[in-house]
Amino acid sequence: MTLSLTVMFLSGVLVFCFNHKHLLLTLFSLEYLVLFLYFIFNIFLMLSGFEIYFILIFLIFSVCEGALGLGVLVSMIRSHGNDYLSSLSVLTW
């Protein structure tokens, strides 16, 4: 089980590190890492016998993070016309 969890985490980090051209792919990899963290928190809280209310708070924050990322993506597409990160003049300094 730890090998599969390690592979899941490393695949999410590698996708985040190597897909730095498109903002949408970067946001997808971040959401994948958030789902992985949710899975790990769920397993940890179930095994240790704690209350599961923390998972609800974590899901609320992850939904807010996803909505914020989607808002940034929509505003960038409206202003620049695509989701290429290289087209932003802020990142080319």
PDB file of N, CA and C in Angstrom:
ATOM      1  N   MET A   1       0.825  -1.195   0.000  1.00  0.00           N
ATOM      2  CA  MET A   1       0.000   0.000   0.000  1.00  0.00           C
ATOM      3  C   MET A   1       0.868   1.257   0.000  1.00  0.00           C
ATOM      4  N   THR A   2       1.969   1.221   0.729  1.00  0.00           N
ATOM      5  CA  THR A   2       2.827   2.406   0.747  1.00  0.00           C
ATOM      6  C   THR A   2       3.504   2.631  -0.605  1.00  0.00           C
ATOM      7  N   LEU A   3       3.771   1.570  -1.341  1.00  0.00           N
ATOM      8  CA  LEU A   3       4.360   1.739  -2.664  1.00  0.00           C
ATOM      9  C   LEU A   3       3.379   2.429  -3.607  1.00  0.00           C
ATOM     10  N   SER A   4       2.115   2.034  -3.556  1.00  0.00           N
ATOM     11  CA  SER A   4       1.122   2.666  -4.429  1.00  0.00           C
ATOM     12  C   SER A   4       0.889   4.118  -4.030  1.00  0.00           C
ATOM     13  N   LEU A   5       0.922   4.409  -2.722  1.00  0.00           N
ATOM     14  CA  LEU A   5       0.766   5.804  -2.297  1.00  0.00           C
ATOM     15  C   LEU A   5       1.958   6.646  -2.715  1.00  0.00           C
ATOM     16  N   THR A   6       3.137   6.070  -2.647  1.00  0.00           N
ATOM     17  CA  THR A   6       4.333   6.789  -3.081  1.00  0.00           C
ATOM     18  C   THR A   6       4.292   7.056  -4.579  1.00  0.00           C
ATOM     19  N   VAL A   7       3.853   6.082  -5.347  1.00  0.00           N
ATOM     20  CA  VAL A   7       3.752   6.256  -6.804  1.00  0.00           C
ATOM     21  C   VAL A   7       2.711   7.319  -7.135  1.00  0.00           C
ATOM     22  N   MET A   8       1.579   7.329  -6.400  1.00  0.00           N
ATOM     23  CA  MET A   8       0.554   8.349  -6.635  1.00  0.00           C
ATOM     24  C   MET A   8       1.098   9.747  -6.354  1.00  0.00           C
ATOM     25  N   PHE A   9       1.799   9.897  -5.243  1.00  0.00           N
ATOM     26  CA  PHE A   9       2.335  11.204  -4.885  1.00  0.00           C
ATOM     27  C   PHE A   9       3.403  11.657  -5.873  1.00  0.00           C
ATOM     28  N   LEU A  10       4.314  10.770  -6.218  1.00  0.00           N
ATOM     29  CA  LEU A  10       5.386  11.142  -7.140  1.00  0.00           C
ATOM     30  C   LEU A  10       4.861  11.448  -8.538  1.00  0.00           C
ATOM     31  N   SER A  11       3.828  10.745  -8.977  1.00  0.00           N
ATOM     32  CA  SER A  11       3.265  11.056 -10.295  1.00  0.00           C
ATOM     33  C   SER A  11       2.608  12.429 -10.293  1.00  0.00           C
ATOM     34  N   GLY A  12       1.940  12.791  -9.211  1.00  0.00           N
ATOM     35  CA  GLY A  12       1.354  14.127  -9.123  1.00  0.00           C
ATOM     36  C   GLY A  12       2.395  15.219  -9.104  1.00  0.00           C
ATOM     37  N   VAL A  13       3.481  15.002  -8.365  1.00  0.00           N
ATOM     38  CA  VAL A  13       4.549  16.000  -8.296  1.00  0.00           C
ATOM     39  C   VAL A  13       5.274  16.117  -9.635  1.00  0.00           C
ATOM     40  N   LEU A  14       5.518  14.988 -10.301  1.00  0.00           N
ATOM     41  CA  LEU A  14       6.199  15.034 -11.599  1.00  0.00           C
ATOM     42  C   LEU A  14       5.356  15.734 -12.653  1.00  0.00           C
ATOM     43  N   VAL A  15       4.060  15.478 -12.659  1.00  0.00           N
ATOM     44  CA  VAL A  15       3.191  16.173 -13.618  1.00  0.00           C
ATOM     45  C   VAL A  15       3.186  17.667 -13.323  1.00  0.00           C
ATOM     46  N   PHE A  16       3.177  18.027 -12.039  1.00  0.00           N
ATOM     47  CA  PHE A  16       3.203  19.448 -11.679  1.00  0.00           C
ATOM     48  C   PHE A  16       4.522  20.109 -12.101  1.00  0.00           C
ATOM     49  N   CYS A  17       5.625  19.396 -11.964  1.00  0.00           N
ATOM     50  CA  CYS A  17       6.933  19.983 -12.284  1.00  0.00           C
ATOM     51  C   CYS A  17       7.193  20.071 -13.787  1.00  0.00           C
ATOM     52  N   PHE A  18       6.748  19.089 -14.552  1.00  0.00           N
ATOM     53  CA  PHE A  18       7.111  19.046 -15.963  1.00  0.00           C
ATOM     54  C   PHE A  18       6.070  19.630 -16.906  1.00  0.00           C
ATOM     55  N   ASN A  19       4.868  19.908 -16.449  1.00  0.00           N
ATOM     56  CA  ASN A  19       3.867  20.549 -17.300  1.00  0.00           C
ATOM     57  C   ASN A  19       3.716  22.000 -16.877  1.00  0.00           C
ATOM     58  N   HIS A  20       4.727  22.777 -17.133  1.00  0.00           N
ATOM     59  CA  HIS A  20       4.708  24.168 -16.718  1.00  0.00           C
ATOM     60  C   HIS A  20       4.338  25.125 -17.850  1.00  0.00           C
ATOM     61  N   LYS A  21       3.910  24.601 -18.985  1.00  0.00           N
ATOM     62  CA  LYS A  21       3.513  25.487 -20.074  1.00  0.00           C
ATOM     63  C   LYS A  21       2.044  25.893 -19.964  1.00  0.00           C
ATOM     64  N   HIS A  22       1.190  24.950 -19.641  1.00  0.00           N
ATOM     65  CA  HIS A  22      -0.241  25.225 -19.596  1.00  0.00           C
ATOM     66  C   HIS A  22      -0.692  25.366 -18.150  1.00  0.00           C
ATOM     67  N   LEU A  23      -1.455  26.407 -17.890  1.00  0.00           N
ATOM     68  CA  LEU A  23      -1.975  26.624 -16.546  1.00  0.00           C
ATOM     69  C   LEU A  23      -3.030  25.580 -16.199  1.00  0.00           C
ATOM     70  N   LEU A  24      -3.804  25.130 -17.171  1.00  0.00           N
ATOM     71  CA  LEU A  24      -4.852  24.147 -16.896  1.00  0.00           C
ATOM     72  C   LEU A  24      -4.256  22.812 -16.444  1.00  0.00           C
ATOM     73  N   LEU A  25      -3.197  22.363 -17.083  1.00  0.00           N
ATOM     74  CA  LEU A  25      -2.552  21.120 -16.658  1.00  0.00           C
ATOM     75  C   LEU A  25      -1.920  21.257 -15.276  1.00  0.00           C
ATOM     76  N   THR A  26      -1.405  22.429 -14.981  1.00  0.00           N
ATOM     77  CA  THR A  26      -0.843  22.674 -13.657  1.00  0.00           C
ATOM     78  C   THR A  26      -1.934  22.636 -12.596  1.00  0.00           C
ATOM     79  N   LEU A  27      -3.073  23.230 -12.904  1.00  0.00           N
ATOM     80  CA  LEU A  27      -4.187  23.201 -11.949  1.00  0.00           C
ATOM     81  C   LEU A  27      -4.732  21.788 -11.767  1.00  0.00           C
ATOM     82  N   PHE A  28      -4.779  21.005 -12.845  1.00  0.00           N
ATOM     83  CA  PHE A  28      -5.216  19.609 -12.708  1.00  0.00           C
ATOM     84  C   PHE A  28      -4.278  18.810 -11.809  1.00  0.00           C
ATOM     85  N   SER A  29      -2.982  19.024 -11.954  1.00  0.00           N
ATOM     86  CA  SER A  29      -2.047  18.281 -11.117  1.00  0.00           C
ATOM     87  C   SER A  29      -2.143  18.727  -9.659  1.00  0.00           C
ATOM     88  N   LEU A  30      -2.397  20.012  -9.426  1.00  0.00           N
ATOM     89  CA  LEU A  30      -2.591  20.464  -8.051  1.00  0.00           C
ATOM     90  C   LEU A  30      -3.849  19.861  -7.437  1.00  0.00           C
ATOM     91  N   GLU A  31      -4.913  19.764  -8.213  1.00  0.00           N
ATOM     92  CA  GLU A  31      -6.143  19.131  -7.707  1.00  0.00           C
ATOM     93  C   GLU A  31      -5.914  17.646  -7.438  1.00  0.00           C
ATOM     94  N   TYR A  32      -5.096  17.005  -8.249  1.00  0.00           N
ATOM     95  CA  TYR A  32      -4.754  15.610  -8.004  1.00  0.00           C
ATOM     96  C   TYR A  32      -3.999  15.456  -6.690  1.00  0.00           C
ATOM     97  N   LEU A  33      -3.078  16.371  -6.420  1.00  0.00           N
ATOM     98  CA  LEU A  33      -2.344  16.325  -5.161  1.00  0.00           C
ATOM     99  C   LEU A  33      -3.257  16.607  -3.969  1.00  0.00           C
ATOM    100  N   VAL A  34      -4.247  17.474  -4.141  1.00  0.00           N
ATOM    101  CA  VAL A  34      -5.208  17.726  -3.072  1.00  0.00           C
ATOM    102  C   VAL A  34      -6.045  16.481  -2.807  1.00  0.00           C
ATOM    103  N   LEU A  35      -6.451  15.774  -3.865  1.00  0.00           N
ATOM    104  CA  LEU A  35      -7.192  14.524  -3.666  1.00  0.00           C
ATOM    105  C   LEU A  35      -6.338  13.466  -2.993  1.00  0.00           C
ATOM    106  N   PHE A  36      -5.059  13.440  -3.317  1.00  0.00           N
ATOM    107  CA  PHE A  36      -4.148  12.513  -2.655  1.00  0.00           C
ATOM    108  C   PHE A  36      -4.032  12.844  -1.169  1.00  0.00           C
ATOM    109  N   LEU A  37      -3.912  14.128  -0.840  1.00  0.00           N
ATOM    110  CA  LEU A  37      -3.856  14.534   0.567  1.00  0.00           C
ATOM    111  C   LEU A  37      -5.149  14.190   1.302  1.00  0.00           C
ATOM    112  N   TYR A  38      -6.289  14.355   0.632  1.00  0.00           N
ATOM    113  CA  TYR A  38      -7.562  13.969   1.226  1.00  0.00           C
ATOM    114  C   TYR A  38      -7.586  12.472   1.533  1.00  0.00           C
ATOM    115  N   PHE A  39      -7.083  11.682   0.622  1.00  0.00           N
ATOM    116  CA  PHE A  39      -7.033  10.229   0.816  1.00  0.00           C
ATOM    117  C   PHE A  39      -6.135   9.868   1.995  1.00  0.00           C
ATOM    118  N   ILE A  40      -4.992  10.512   2.093  1.00  0.00           N
ATOM    119  CA  ILE A  40      -4.056  10.252   3.190  1.00  0.00           C
ATOM    120  C   ILE A  40      -4.662  10.691   4.525  1.00  0.00           C
ATOM    121  N   PHE A  41      -5.287  11.877   4.565  1.00  0.00           N
ATOM    122  CA  PHE A  41      -5.922  12.330   5.802  1.00  0.00           C
ATOM    123  C   PHE A  41      -7.037  11.399   6.230  1.00  0.00           C
ATOM    124  N   ASN A  42      -7.793  10.912   5.268  1.00  0.00           N
ATOM    125  CA  ASN A  42      -8.884   9.992   5.577  1.00  0.00           C
ATOM    126  C   ASN A  42      -8.345   8.709   6.188  1.00  0.00           C
ATOM    127  N   ILE A  43      -7.314   8.145   5.614  1.00  0.00           N
ATOM    128  CA  ILE A  43      -6.713   6.924   6.155  1.00  0.00           C
ATOM    129  C   ILE A  43      -6.142   7.178   7.548  1.00  0.00           C
ATOM    130  N   PHE A  44      -5.435   8.297   7.714  1.00  0.00           N
ATOM    131  CA  PHE A  44      -4.823   8.609   9.005  1.00  0.00           C
ATOM    132  C   PHE A  44      -5.877   8.788  10.094  1.00  0.00           C
ATOM    133  N   LEU A  45      -6.948   9.524   9.788  1.00  0.00           N
ATOM    134  CA  LEU A  45      -7.974   9.762  10.803  1.00  0.00           C
ATOM    135  C   LEU A  45      -8.770   8.504  11.113  1.00  0.00           C
ATOM    136  N   MET A  46      -8.969   7.642  10.139  1.00  0.00           N
ATOM    137  CA  MET A  46      -9.676   6.386  10.400  1.00  0.00           C
ATOM    138  C   MET A  46      -8.842   5.448  11.274  1.00  0.00           C
ATOM    139  N   LEU A  47      -7.547   5.373  11.010  1.00  0.00           N
ATOM    140  CA  LEU A  47      -6.686   4.468  11.772  1.00  0.00           C
ATOM    141  C   LEU A  47      -6.427   4.967  13.190  1.00  0.00           C
ATOM    142  N   SER A  48      -6.360   6.276  13.371  1.00  0.00           N
ATOM    143  CA  SER A  48      -6.053   6.802  14.692  1.00  0.00           C
ATOM    144  C   SER A  48      -7.290   7.043  15.546  1.00  0.00           C
ATOM    145  N   GLY A  49      -8.472   6.943  14.992  1.00  0.00           N
ATOM    146  CA  GLY A  49      -9.705   7.051  15.765  1.00  0.00           C
ATOM    147  C   GLY A  49     -10.158   8.469  16.059  1.00  0.00           C
ATOM    148  N   PHE A  50      -9.676   9.456  15.321  1.00  0.00           N
ATOM    149  CA  PHE A  50     -10.098  10.831  15.538  1.00  0.00           C
ATOM    150  C   PHE A  50     -11.428  11.090  14.838  1.00  0.00           C
ATOM    151  N   GLU A  51     -11.992  12.263  15.121  1.00  0.00           N
ATOM    152  CA  GLU A  51     -13.217  12.667  14.444  1.00  0.00           C
ATOM    153  C   GLU A  51     -12.908  13.020  12.990  1.00  0.00           C
ATOM    154  N   ILE A  52     -13.893  12.930  12.164  1.00  0.00           N
ATOM    155  CA  ILE A  52     -13.682  13.138  10.739  1.00  0.00           C
ATOM    156  C   ILE A  52     -14.126  14.547  10.314  1.00  0.00           C
ATOM    157  N   TYR A  53     -14.372  15.447  11.269  1.00  0.00           N
ATOM    158  CA  TYR A  53     -14.772  16.808  10.928  1.00  0.00           C
ATOM    159  C   TYR A  53     -13.640  17.573  10.245  1.00  0.00           C
ATOM    160  N   PHE A  54     -12.414  17.205  10.533  1.00  0.00           N
ATOM    161  CA  PHE A  54     -11.288  17.864   9.881  1.00  0.00           C
ATOM    162  C   PHE A  54     -11.307  17.626   8.378  1.00  0.00           C
ATOM    163  N   ILE A  55     -11.777  16.473   7.966  1.00  0.00           N
ATOM    164  CA  ILE A  55     -11.857  16.170   6.527  1.00  0.00           C
ATOM    165  C   ILE A  55     -12.857  17.094   5.848  1.00  0.00           C
ATOM    166  N   LEU A  56     -13.948  17.411   6.531  1.00  0.00           N
ATOM    167  CA  LEU A  56     -14.936  18.332   5.977  1.00  0.00           C
ATOM    168  C   LEU A  56     -14.338  19.726   5.805  1.00  0.00           C
ATOM    169  N   ILE A  57     -13.586  20.182   6.782  1.00  0.00           N
ATOM    170  CA  ILE A  57     -12.930  21.487   6.676  1.00  0.00           C
ATOM    171  C   ILE A  57     -11.898  21.474   5.553  1.00  0.00           C
ATOM    172  N   PHE A  58     -11.154  20.372   5.430  1.00  0.00           N
ATOM    173  CA  PHE A  58     -10.176  20.262   4.351  1.00  0.00           C
ATOM    174  C   PHE A  58     -10.860  20.280   2.987  1.00  0.00           C
ATOM    175  N   LEU A  59     -12.002  19.619   2.853  1.00  0.00           N
ATOM    176  CA  LEU A  59     -12.728  19.646   1.582  1.00  0.00           C
ATOM    177  C   LEU A  59     -13.249  21.044   1.260  1.00  0.00           C
ATOM    178  N   ILE A  60     -13.672  21.780   2.271  1.00  0.00           N
ATOM    179  CA  ILE A  60     -14.132  23.151   2.034  1.00  0.00           C
ATOM    180  C   ILE A  60     -12.995  24.007   1.502  1.00  0.00           C
ATOM    181  N   PHE A  61     -11.805  23.892   2.117  1.00  0.00           N
ATOM    182  CA  PHE A  61     -10.664  24.670   1.642  1.00  0.00           C
ATOM    183  C   PHE A  61     -10.212  24.222   0.259  1.00  0.00           C
ATOM    184  N   SER A  62     -10.293  22.938  -0.039  1.00  0.00           N
ATOM    185  CA  SER A  62      -9.865  22.481  -1.360  1.00  0.00           C
ATOM    186  C   SER A  62     -10.839  22.932  -2.452  1.00  0.00           C
ATOM    187  N   VAL A  63     -12.123  23.000  -2.136  1.00  0.00           N
ATOM    188  CA  VAL A  63     -13.093  23.515  -3.114  1.00  0.00           C
ATOM    189  C   VAL A  63     -12.844  24.998  -3.358  1.00  0.00           C
ATOM    190  N   CYS A  64     -12.540  25.745  -2.296  1.00  0.00           N
ATOM    191  CA  CYS A  64     -12.220  27.168  -2.465  1.00  0.00           C
ATOM    192  C   CYS A  64     -10.958  27.356  -3.301  1.00  0.00           C
ATOM    193  N   GLU A  65      -9.975  26.487  -3.104  1.00  0.00           N
ATOM    194  CA  GLU A  65      -8.746  26.557  -3.891  1.00  0.00           C
ATOM    195  C   GLU A  65      -9.023  26.250  -5.356  1.00  0.00           C
ATOM    196  N   GLY A  66      -9.871  25.268  -5.617  1.00  0.00           N
ATOM    197  CA  GLY A  66     -10.217  24.939  -6.998  1.00  0.00           C
ATOM    198  C   GLY A  66     -10.989  26.053  -7.674  1.00  0.00           C
ATOM    199  N   ALA A  67     -11.909  26.689  -6.941  1.00  0.00           N
ATOM    200  CA  ALA A  67     -12.670  27.798  -7.521  1.00  0.00           C
ATOM    201  C   ALA A  67     -11.776  28.997  -7.784  1.00  0.00           C
ATOM    202  N   LEU A  68     -10.821  29.246  -6.906  1.00  0.00           N
ATOM    203  CA  LEU A  68      -9.885  30.346  -7.113  1.00  0.00           C
ATOM    204  C   LEU A  68      -8.999  30.091  -8.327  1.00  0.00           C
ATOM    205  N   GLY A  69      -8.522  28.860  -8.484  1.00  0.00           N
ATOM    206  CA  GLY A  69      -7.712  28.523  -9.652  1.00  0.00           C
ATOM    207  C   GLY A  69      -8.499  28.640 -10.944  1.00  0.00           C
ATOM    208  N   LEU A  70      -9.755  28.219 -10.916  1.00  0.00           N
ATOM    209  CA  LEU A  70     -10.590  28.340 -12.113  1.00  0.00           C
ATOM    210  C   LEU A  70     -10.863  29.798 -12.447  1.00  0.00           C
ATOM    211  N   GLY A  71     -11.053  30.622 -11.439  1.00  0.00           N
ATOM    212  CA  GLY A  71     -11.249  32.055 -11.680  1.00  0.00           C
ATOM    213  C   GLY A  71     -10.026  32.702 -12.294  1.00  0.00           C
ATOM    214  N   VAL A  72      -8.841  32.320 -11.817  1.00  0.00           N
ATOM    215  CA  VAL A  72      -7.602  32.847 -12.394  1.00  0.00           C
ATOM    216  C   VAL A  72      -7.459  32.393 -13.841  1.00  0.00           C
ATOM    217  N   LEU A  73      -7.797  31.134 -14.114  1.00  0.00           N
ATOM    218  CA  LEU A  73      -7.701  30.614 -15.478  1.00  0.00           C
ATOM    219  C   LEU A  73      -8.650  31.348 -16.416  1.00  0.00           C
ATOM    220  N   VAL A  74      -9.880  31.571 -15.989  1.00  0.00           N
ATOM    221  CA  VAL A  74     -10.854  32.263 -16.839  1.00  0.00           C
ATOM    222  C   VAL A  74     -10.434  33.706 -17.091  1.00  0.00           C
ATOM    223  N   SER A  75      -9.954  34.389 -16.058  1.00  0.00           N
ATOM    224  CA  SER A  75      -9.532  35.783 -16.277  1.00  0.00           C
ATOM    225  C   SER A  75      -8.298  35.861 -17.170  1.00  0.00           C
ATOM    226  N   MET A  76      -7.390  34.886 -17.058  1.00  0.00           N
ATOM    227  CA  MET A  76      -6.207  34.898 -17.916  1.00  0.00           C
ATOM    228  C   MET A  76      -6.581  34.603 -19.359  1.00  0.00           C
ATOM    229  N   ILE A  77      -7.507  33.680 -19.577  1.00  0.00           N
ATOM    230  CA  ILE A  77      -7.932  33.374 -20.952  1.00  0.00           C
ATOM    231  C   ILE A  77      -8.652  34.567 -21.557  1.00  0.00           C
ATOM    232  N   ARG A  78      -9.440  35.276 -20.763  1.00  0.00           N
ATOM    233  CA  ARG A  78     -10.125  36.456 -21.292  1.00  0.00           C
ATOM    234  C   ARG A  78      -9.154  37.581 -21.642  1.00  0.00           C
ATOM    235  N   SER A  79      -8.091  37.709 -20.860  1.00  0.00           N
ATOM    236  CA  SER A  79      -7.177  38.820 -21.135  1.00  0.00           C
ATOM    237  C   SER A  79      -6.109  38.475 -22.174  1.00  0.00           C
ATOM    238  N   HIS A  80      -5.647  37.209 -22.207  1.00  0.00           N
ATOM    239  CA  HIS A  80      -4.549  36.842 -23.105  1.00  0.00           C
ATOM    240  C   HIS A  80      -4.971  35.945 -24.263  1.00  0.00           C
ATOM    241  N   GLY A  81      -6.096  35.271 -24.159  1.00  0.00           N
ATOM    242  CA  GLY A  81      -6.587  34.471 -25.269  1.00  0.00           C
ATOM    243  C   GLY A  81      -6.215  33.004 -25.232  1.00  0.00           C
ATOM    244  N   ASN A  82      -5.317  32.578 -24.344  1.00  0.00           N
ATOM    245  CA  ASN A  82      -4.959  31.166 -24.230  1.00  0.00           C
ATOM    246  C   ASN A  82      -4.489  30.901 -22.804  1.00  0.00           C
ATOM    247  N   ASP A  83      -4.159  29.650 -22.518  1.00  0.00           N
ATOM    248  CA  ASP A  83      -3.701  29.328 -21.163  1.00  0.00           C
ATOM    249  C   ASP A  83      -2.204  29.012 -21.126  1.00  0.00           C
ATOM    250  N   TYR A  84      -1.464  29.520 -22.108  1.00  0.00           N
ATOM    251  CA  TYR A  84      -0.013  29.343 -22.086  1.00  0.00           C
ATOM    252  C   TYR A  84       0.588  30.255 -21.016  1.00  0.00           C
ATOM    253  N   LEU A  85       1.367  29.688 -20.131  1.00  0.00           N
ATOM    254  CA  LEU A  85       2.005  30.512 -19.110  1.00  0.00           C
ATOM    255  C   LEU A  85       3.120  31.361 -19.682  1.00  0.00           C
ATOM    256  N   SER A  86       3.677  30.971 -20.812  1.00  0.00           N
ATOM    257  CA  SER A  86       4.763  31.745 -21.403  1.00  0.00           C
ATOM    258  C   SER A  86       4.259  33.036 -22.049  1.00  0.00           C
ATOM    259  N   SER A  87       2.958  33.156 -22.282  1.00  0.00           N
ATOM    260  CA  SER A  87       2.432  34.366 -22.902  1.00  0.00           C
ATOM    261  C   SER A  87       2.240  35.497 -21.904  1.00  0.00           C
ATOM    262  N   LEU A  88       2.375  35.202 -20.614  1.00  0.00           N
ATOM    263  CA  LEU A  88       2.236  36.257 -19.623  1.00  0.00           C
ATOM    264  C   LEU A  88       3.509  37.099 -19.576  1.00  0.00           C
ATOM    265  N   SER A  89       3.349  38.400 -19.561  1.00  0.00           N
ATOM    266  CA  SER A  89       4.522  39.256 -19.517  1.00  0.00           C
ATOM    267  C   SER A  89       5.113  39.301 -18.113  1.00  0.00           C
ATOM    268  N   VAL A  90       4.373  38.914 -17.086  1.00  0.00           N
ATOM    269  CA  VAL A  90       4.875  38.937 -15.713  1.00  0.00           C
ATOM    270  C   VAL A  90       5.941  37.861 -15.520  1.00  0.00           C
ATOM    271  N   LEU A  91       5.781  36.710 -16.152  1.00  0.00           N
ATOM    272  CA  LEU A  91       6.704  35.606 -15.961  1.00  0.00           C
ATOM    273  C   LEU A  91       7.953  35.688 -16.835  1.00  0.00           C
ATOM    274  N   THR A  92       8.008  36.627 -17.741  1.00  0.00           N
ATOM    275  CA  THR A  92       9.162  36.724 -18.630  1.00  0.00           C
ATOM    276  C   THR A  92      10.173  37.753 -18.141  1.00  0.00           C
ATOM    277  N   TRP A  93      10.084  38.221 -16.945  1.00  0.00           N
ATOM    278  CA  TRP A  93      11.028  39.202 -16.413  1.00  0.00           C
ATOM    279  C   TRP A  93      12.382  38.643 -16.301  1.00  0.00           C
TER     280      TRP A  93
END
